[in-house]
Amino acid sequence: MGLAWMSIARAPRVLSFLEKVTTVNASTFLRLPAIAAACALLCGAVHAAPFAYVPNEKSGTVSVIDTATDTVLRVLPAGTRPRGIAADPSGARLFVTDAASNELLLIDSGGDAPPRRIALGKSPEGVSVSADGNYVAVAVEKNNSVTLFDARTGAQLADIKVEGHNPEHAVFSPDGRWLLVSAEEAEQVDVIDVAQRRLVGAIPVGLRPRGIGFSPDSTRAYVACEMVNTVYVLDLASRRAVATIPAGKNANGIAVNPDGKTVYVSNGAEGTVMLIDTASNTVRATVAVGKRPWNMALTPDGGKLYVANGRSNSVSVIDTASARKSGEVAVGIAPWGVAIR
């Protein structure tokens, strides 16, 4: 029935339905075509509505939000102080940094198995997965490095020193060629060549670069610089900033719509998210969200933006077409970010 692509752990509605039809008697057999059709509909619904995963730094949990209904389906244990989060392309496994234990947690997204723990350096923060699902990168704050892992086996491939102090995010370009690294004590974004597994340069930006996002074609990157309230637009070919866009106070998180036409920046001190038009590099709308909006993620179709509000203990949902907040989802204490699969 076309279920091979989907983990049952990611489909509680399908699981519940199948439990009801486990015993096949004569009358059930006659209804198998209807059962198959119902399963197809349910599976399609799950495929069309991904889950949003939110690490709650002071609760030690990950909240799982159904993006179809914007309700919390379940809560997963995630160490003591979860921060960065990413998901593999299938959505079956989460990669979460635990700043308390200095570990990378490999978590079954359905909560069916205890997390696997991989040792890291002190105070790990942001984590990202390459688009092909082959690599995981973790920014390790006190080591001033980025640790690269094989996403399938968990084997460490490299630990790459960077120039910025206290790195926070290490983000893969969509083509998998580059890792850009931001740091709290820096005025540049460090550039790592993934194939060579080494630092190959730096691009000057404003003080304290934070969130990083890429255009879909990997030619440009957008970097929020917190202390100068500015988004820098970087050209990857020339490795220089080609534009600066005024943002709100304490600009922080960055997300880029899959169509490449809009960039979103969260402003921590103002409780807002700005929508930037990439054709003109100007702000076209500002949306009020919760207190201290932090990291964000978009649904694959770009229709909804989920914003972690660190001091509201909530996630704001923005309808990107109308540029309006469509909902607020209560989660754990001090949500750090969002991953969507």
Protein backbone atom coordinates (compact mmCIF):
# COMPACT_ATOMS: atom_id res chain seq x y z
CA MET A 1 0.00 0.00 0.00
CA GLY A 2 2.95 2.32 -0.55
CA LEU A 3 4.01 2.42 3.13
CA ALA A 4 7.70 1.67 2.53
CA TRP A 5 8.68 5.32 2.49
CA MET A 6 7.15 6.12 5.85
CA SER A 7 8.01 5.01 9.40
CA ILE A 8 4.95 3.90 11.37
CA ALA A 9 6.40 5.92 14.24
CA ARG A 10 5.71 9.00 12.14
CA ALA A 11 2.13 7.99 11.47
CA PRO A 12 0.20 7.53 14.72
CA ARG A 13 -3.12 7.98 12.92
CA VAL A 14 -2.27 5.16 10.51
CA LEU A 15 -1.06 2.96 13.37
CA SER A 16 -4.28 3.48 15.28
CA PHE A 17 -6.29 2.57 12.20
CA LEU A 18 -4.26 -0.57 11.49
CA GLU A 19 -4.64 -1.76 15.08
CA LYS A 20 -8.39 -1.80 14.53
CA VAL A 21 -8.11 -4.11 11.53
CA THR A 22 -5.41 -6.51 12.73
CA THR A 23 -7.83 -9.43 12.96
CA VAL A 24 -8.99 -10.29 9.47
CA ASN A 25 -12.20 -12.29 9.37
CA ALA A 26 -14.51 -12.95 6.41
CA SER A 27 -16.35 -9.67 6.70
CA THR A 28 -13.12 -7.73 7.12
CA PHE A 29 -11.70 -9.43 4.03
CA LEU A 30 -14.62 -8.14 1.99
CA ARG A 31 -13.76 -4.63 3.16
CA LEU A 32 -10.04 -4.77 2.29
CA PRO A 33 -10.37 -2.44 -0.75
CA ALA A 34 -11.99 0.16 1.48
CA ILE A 35 -9.33 -0.37 4.13
CA ALA A 36 -6.59 0.08 1.53
CA ALA A 37 -8.20 3.28 0.28
CA ALA A 38 -8.51 4.64 3.82
CA CYS A 39 -4.87 3.81 4.52
CA ALA A 40 -3.81 5.58 1.33
CA LEU A 41 -5.71 8.68 2.38
CA LEU A 42 -4.21 8.61 5.85
CA CYS A 43 -0.71 8.06 4.55
CA GLY A 44 -1.14 10.88 2.08
CA ALA A 45 -2.29 13.19 4.88
CA VAL A 46 0.78 12.36 6.96
CA HIS A 47 3.06 12.89 3.98
CA ALA A 48 1.47 16.27 3.22
CA ALA A 49 1.60 17.54 6.81
CA PRO A 50 5.07 17.25 8.31
CA PHE A 51 5.91 17.50 11.99
CA ALA A 52 7.67 20.43 13.69
CA TYR A 53 10.18 19.45 16.38
CA VAL A 54 10.97 22.00 19.09
CA PRO A 55 13.82 21.55 21.64
CA ASN A 56 12.91 23.04 25.03
CA GLU A 57 16.20 24.03 26.66
CA LYS A 58 14.98 24.22 30.27
CA SER A 59 12.53 21.32 30.10
CA GLY A 60 14.89 18.72 28.65
CA THR A 61 12.33 17.77 26.00
CA VAL A 62 11.37 18.03 22.35
CA SER A 63 7.77 19.00 21.58
CA VAL A 64 6.34 17.37 18.44
CA ILE A 65 3.80 19.58 16.64
CA ASP A 66 1.42 18.36 13.94
CA THR A 67 1.62 21.14 11.36
CA ALA A 68 -1.81 20.19 9.98
CA THR A 69 -3.54 21.08 13.25
CA ASP A 70 -0.84 23.07 15.07
CA THR A 71 -1.22 20.93 18.19
CA VAL A 72 1.41 19.11 20.24
CA LEU A 73 1.11 15.38 19.55
CA ARG A 74 3.73 14.15 21.99
CA VAL A 75 6.78 15.18 23.99
CA LEU A 76 10.11 13.36 23.66
CA PRO A 77 12.83 13.21 26.35
CA ALA A 78 15.96 14.99 25.10
CA GLY A 79 18.66 15.03 27.74
CA THR A 80 18.99 17.90 30.19
CA ARG A 81 19.56 21.03 28.12
CA PRO A 82 18.67 20.51 24.46
CA ARG A 83 19.57 23.31 22.08
CA GLY A 84 20.26 22.76 18.40
CA ILE A 85 18.07 20.42 16.39
CA ALA A 86 17.97 18.96 12.89
CA ALA A 87 16.22 16.03 11.25
CA ASP A 88 17.35 13.56 8.62
CA PRO A 89 15.57 13.81 5.24
CA SER A 90 13.17 10.98 6.10
CA GLY A 91 12.15 12.60 9.38
CA ALA A 92 12.73 9.31 11.20
CA ARG A 93 15.67 10.54 13.27
CA LEU A 94 16.45 13.78 15.09
CA PHE A 95 19.88 15.16 15.92
CA VAL A 96 19.80 17.25 19.11
CA THR A 97 22.68 18.83 21.04
CA ASP A 98 22.60 18.51 24.85
CA ALA A 99 24.63 21.37 26.30
CA ALA A 100 24.55 19.86 29.80
CA SER A 101 26.07 16.50 28.91
CA ASN A 102 28.15 17.78 25.96
CA GLU A 103 26.61 15.18 23.68
CA LEU A 104 24.83 14.79 20.38
CA LEU A 105 21.59 12.88 20.87
CA LEU A 106 20.26 10.70 18.04
CA ILE A 107 16.54 10.49 18.79
CA ASP A 108 13.88 8.32 17.15
CA SER A 109 11.27 10.89 16.11
CA GLY A 110 8.45 8.55 17.09
CA GLY A 111 9.88 8.07 20.59
CA ASP A 112 10.14 4.30 20.12
CA ALA A 113 13.75 3.91 21.28
CA PRO A 114 16.06 5.56 23.82
CA PRO A 115 18.41 8.20 22.35
CA ARG A 116 21.86 7.23 21.19
CA ARG A 117 24.50 9.50 22.73
CA ILE A 118 27.69 10.69 21.02
CA ALA A 119 30.33 12.65 22.95
CA LEU A 120 31.09 16.21 21.84
CA GLY A 121 33.24 19.06 23.08
CA LYS A 122 32.02 21.51 25.70
CA SER A 123 28.82 23.51 25.14
CA PRO A 124 27.51 22.31 21.75
CA GLU A 125 24.93 24.53 20.06
CA GLY A 126 23.60 24.55 16.51
CA VAL A 127 23.33 21.38 14.43
CA SER A 128 22.50 20.88 10.76
CA VAL A 129 22.12 17.98 8.33
CA SER A 130 23.24 18.10 4.70
CA ALA A 131 20.43 17.99 2.13
CA ASP A 132 21.52 14.54 0.93
CA GLY A 133 21.36 13.21 4.49
CA ASN A 134 25.01 12.13 4.53
CA TYR A 135 26.49 14.53 7.08
CA VAL A 136 25.72 16.17 10.40
CA ALA A 137 27.59 19.27 11.55
CA VAL A 138 27.67 20.59 15.12
CA ALA A 139 28.98 23.96 16.30
CA VAL A 140 30.90 23.37 19.54
CA GLU A 141 31.14 26.61 21.45
CA LYS A 142 34.03 26.17 23.87
CA ASN A 143 36.14 24.19 21.39
CA ASN A 144 35.85 26.93 18.76
CA SER A 145 35.23 24.16 16.26
CA VAL A 146 32.72 22.39 14.05
CA THR A 147 32.47 18.62 14.40
CA LEU A 148 31.44 16.69 11.29
CA PHE A 149 29.75 13.28 11.55
CA ASP A 150 28.54 10.55 9.24
CA ALA A 151 24.76 10.93 9.66
CA ARG A 152 24.02 7.25 9.15
CA THR A 153 26.65 5.69 11.40
CA GLY A 154 27.35 8.51 13.86
CA ALA A 155 31.10 8.19 13.20
CA GLN A 156 33.11 11.38 13.66
CA LEU A 157 34.74 12.44 10.41
CA ALA A 158 36.50 15.66 11.42
CA ASP A 159 36.77 18.37 14.06
CA ILE A 160 37.46 21.64 12.26
CA LYS A 161 38.77 24.67 14.11
CA VAL A 162 37.23 28.03 13.18
CA GLU A 163 38.34 31.62 13.72
CA GLY A 164 35.19 32.93 15.39
CA HIS A 165 34.97 32.42 19.16
CA ASN A 166 31.95 30.58 20.59
CA PRO A 167 30.50 29.29 17.31
CA GLU A 168 26.71 28.99 17.39
CA HIS A 169 25.56 27.78 13.98
CA ALA A 170 27.19 25.65 11.29
CA VAL A 171 24.85 25.47 8.30
CA PHE A 172 25.20 23.44 5.10
CA SER A 173 24.57 25.10 1.76
CA PRO A 174 21.78 23.32 -0.17
CA ASP A 175 24.30 21.89 -2.65
CA GLY A 176 26.33 20.45 0.24
CA ARG A 177 29.52 22.17 -0.80
CA TRP A 178 29.93 24.65 2.06
CA LEU A 179 29.42 25.02 5.77
CA LEU A 180 29.02 28.59 6.97
CA VAL A 181 29.74 29.16 10.64
CA SER A 182 28.56 32.03 12.84
CA ALA A 183 29.97 32.84 16.28
CA GLU A 184 29.03 35.05 19.21
CA GLU A 185 32.47 36.68 19.32
CA ALA A 186 33.09 37.41 15.67
CA GLU A 187 32.69 39.91 12.87
CA GLN A 188 32.93 37.32 10.13
CA VAL A 189 31.31 34.13 8.92
CA ASP A 190 33.80 31.28 8.60
CA VAL A 191 33.70 29.14 5.44
CA ILE A 192 34.36 25.39 5.57
CA ASP A 193 34.84 23.30 2.44
CA VAL A 194 32.87 20.12 3.21
CA ALA A 195 34.74 17.86 0.78
CA GLN A 196 38.13 19.03 2.04
CA ARG A 197 36.90 19.14 5.66
CA ARG A 198 38.84 22.29 6.44
CA LEU A 199 38.44 26.04 6.93
CA VAL A 200 39.06 27.82 3.63
CA GLY A 201 38.14 31.44 4.36
CA ALA A 202 36.01 34.01 6.13
CA ILE A 203 33.51 36.65 5.00
CA PRO A 204 33.39 39.92 6.97
CA VAL A 205 29.96 40.83 8.42
CA GLY A 206 28.65 42.78 11.41
CA LEU A 207 29.28 42.08 15.07
CA ARG A 208 27.89 38.80 16.47
CA PRO A 209 26.55 36.91 13.47
CA ARG A 210 23.77 34.47 14.43
CA GLY A 211 21.27 32.79 12.10
CA ILE A 212 22.30 31.75 8.58
CA GLY A 213 20.15 30.80 5.59
CA PHE A 214 20.86 30.11 1.91
CA SER A 215 19.15 30.84 -1.36
CA PRO A 216 17.86 27.60 -2.93
CA ASP A 217 20.61 27.68 -5.59
CA SER A 218 23.37 28.08 -2.94
CA THR A 219 24.73 31.25 -4.55
CA ARG A 220 23.81 33.57 -1.69
CA ALA A 221 23.62 33.42 2.07
CA TYR A 222 21.72 35.62 4.53
CA VAL A 223 23.22 36.28 7.96
CA ALA A 224 21.55 38.03 10.91
CA CYS A 225 24.03 40.10 12.91
CA GLU A 226 22.65 40.70 16.37
CA MET A 227 24.67 43.64 17.66
CA VAL A 228 24.23 45.77 14.53
CA ASN A 229 20.56 44.85 13.86
CA THR A 230 21.34 43.99 10.25
CA VAL A 231 20.99 41.14 7.77
CA TYR A 232 24.02 40.72 5.51
CA VAL A 233 23.59 39.28 2.01
CA LEU A 234 26.64 37.26 1.02
CA ASP A 235 27.76 36.24 -2.46
CA LEU A 236 29.37 32.81 -2.14
CA ALA A 237 31.35 33.00 -5.38
CA SER A 238 33.19 36.20 -4.44
CA ARG A 239 32.94 35.60 -0.67
CA ARG A 240 31.84 39.10 0.15
CA ALA A 241 28.78 40.95 1.36
CA VAL A 242 26.84 42.46 -1.53
CA ALA A 243 24.04 44.10 0.48
CA THR A 244 22.99 44.98 4.01
CA ILE A 245 19.36 45.14 5.17
CA PRO A 246 18.32 46.99 8.34
CA ALA A 247 16.45 44.63 10.68
CA GLY A 248 14.95 44.97 14.15
CA LYS A 249 16.76 45.05 17.49
CA ASN A 250 18.82 41.95 18.22
CA ALA A 251 18.28 40.32 14.83
CA ASN A 252 18.79 36.62 15.32
CA GLY A 253 17.13 33.73 13.49
CA ILE A 254 17.05 33.35 9.71
CA ALA A 255 14.86 31.23 7.43
CA VAL A 256 14.62 31.32 3.63
CA ASN A 257 11.45 30.41 1.76
CA PRO A 258 11.94 27.46 -0.63
CA ASP A 259 10.93 29.70 -3.56
CA GLY A 260 13.86 31.99 -2.70
CA LYS A 261 11.71 35.12 -2.82
CA THR A 262 11.46 35.84 0.91
CA VAL A 263 13.87 35.75 3.84
CA TYR A 264 12.59 35.82 7.43
CA VAL A 265 14.53 37.34 10.32
CA SER A 266 13.54 37.21 13.99
CA ASN A 267 14.18 40.24 16.18
CA GLY A 268 14.77 39.06 19.74
CA ALA A 269 14.34 42.32 21.63
CA GLU A 270 11.26 43.43 19.67
CA GLY A 271 9.28 40.20 19.53
CA THR A 272 8.84 40.41 15.77
CA VAL A 273 9.66 38.62 12.54
CA MET A 274 10.43 40.62 9.40
CA LEU A 275 9.77 39.41 5.87
CA ILE A 276 12.48 40.52 3.44
CA ASP A 277 11.91 40.63 -0.32
CA THR A 278 15.03 39.14 -1.91
CA ALA A 279 14.55 40.93 -5.23
CA SER A 280 14.79 44.38 -3.64
CA ASN A 281 16.49 43.48 -0.32
CA THR A 282 13.85 45.45 1.56
CA VAL A 283 11.49 44.60 4.41
CA ARG A 284 7.95 44.14 3.10
CA ALA A 285 6.16 43.16 6.34
CA THR A 286 6.67 42.83 10.09
CA VAL A 287 4.75 40.31 12.19
CA ALA A 288 4.43 40.42 15.99
CA VAL A 289 5.20 37.08 17.66
CA GLY A 290 6.14 36.03 21.22
CA LYS A 291 8.90 37.15 23.57
CA ARG A 292 12.48 36.66 22.41
CA PRO A 293 11.87 34.94 19.09
CA TRP A 294 14.87 32.81 18.30
CA ASN A 295 15.39 30.17 15.64
CA MET A 296 12.75 29.28 13.02
CA ALA A 297 11.79 26.80 10.32
CA LEU A 298 9.44 26.64 7.34
CA THR A 299 7.20 23.85 6.14
CA PRO A 300 8.54 22.29 2.91
CA ASP A 301 5.97 24.15 0.80
CA GLY A 302 6.95 27.45 2.41
CA GLY A 303 3.36 28.09 3.52
CA LYS A 304 3.94 28.27 7.27
CA LEU A 305 6.78 29.59 9.41
CA TYR A 306 7.29 28.26 12.95
CA VAL A 307 9.09 30.61 15.36
CA ALA A 308 10.51 29.50 18.72
CA ASN A 309 9.76 32.14 21.40
CA GLY A 310 12.34 31.59 24.12
CA ARG A 311 10.67 33.66 26.81
CA SER A 312 7.04 32.94 25.95
CA ASN A 313 7.48 29.14 26.04
CA SER A 314 5.62 28.98 22.77
CA VAL A 315 5.94 28.65 19.02
CA SER A 316 4.30 31.29 16.84
CA VAL A 317 2.88 30.14 13.51
CA ILE A 318 2.99 32.62 10.63
CA ASP A 319 0.96 32.21 7.45
CA THR A 320 3.52 33.33 4.90
CA ALA A 321 1.05 34.16 2.14
CA SER A 322 -0.85 36.69 4.24
CA ALA A 323 2.15 37.66 6.42
CA ARG A 324 0.02 37.22 9.55
CA LYS A 325 0.32 35.17 12.69
CA SER A 326 -2.17 32.33 12.46
CA GLY A 327 -1.58 30.65 15.80
CA GLU A 328 0.45 30.15 18.96
CA VAL A 329 1.42 26.70 20.25
CA ALA A 330 2.39 26.20 23.90
CA VAL A 331 5.54 24.08 24.27
CA GLY A 332 8.13 23.52 27.02
CA ILE A 333 10.33 26.03 28.82
CA ALA A 334 12.75 28.10 26.73
CA PRO A 335 12.30 26.69 23.22
CA TRP A 336 15.56 27.11 21.27
CA GLY A 337 14.61 26.37 17.70
CA VAL A 338 12.54 24.33 15.26
CA ALA A 339 13.17 21.53 12.77
CA ILE A 340 10.46 20.44 10.32
CA ARG A 341 10.17 17.13 8.43
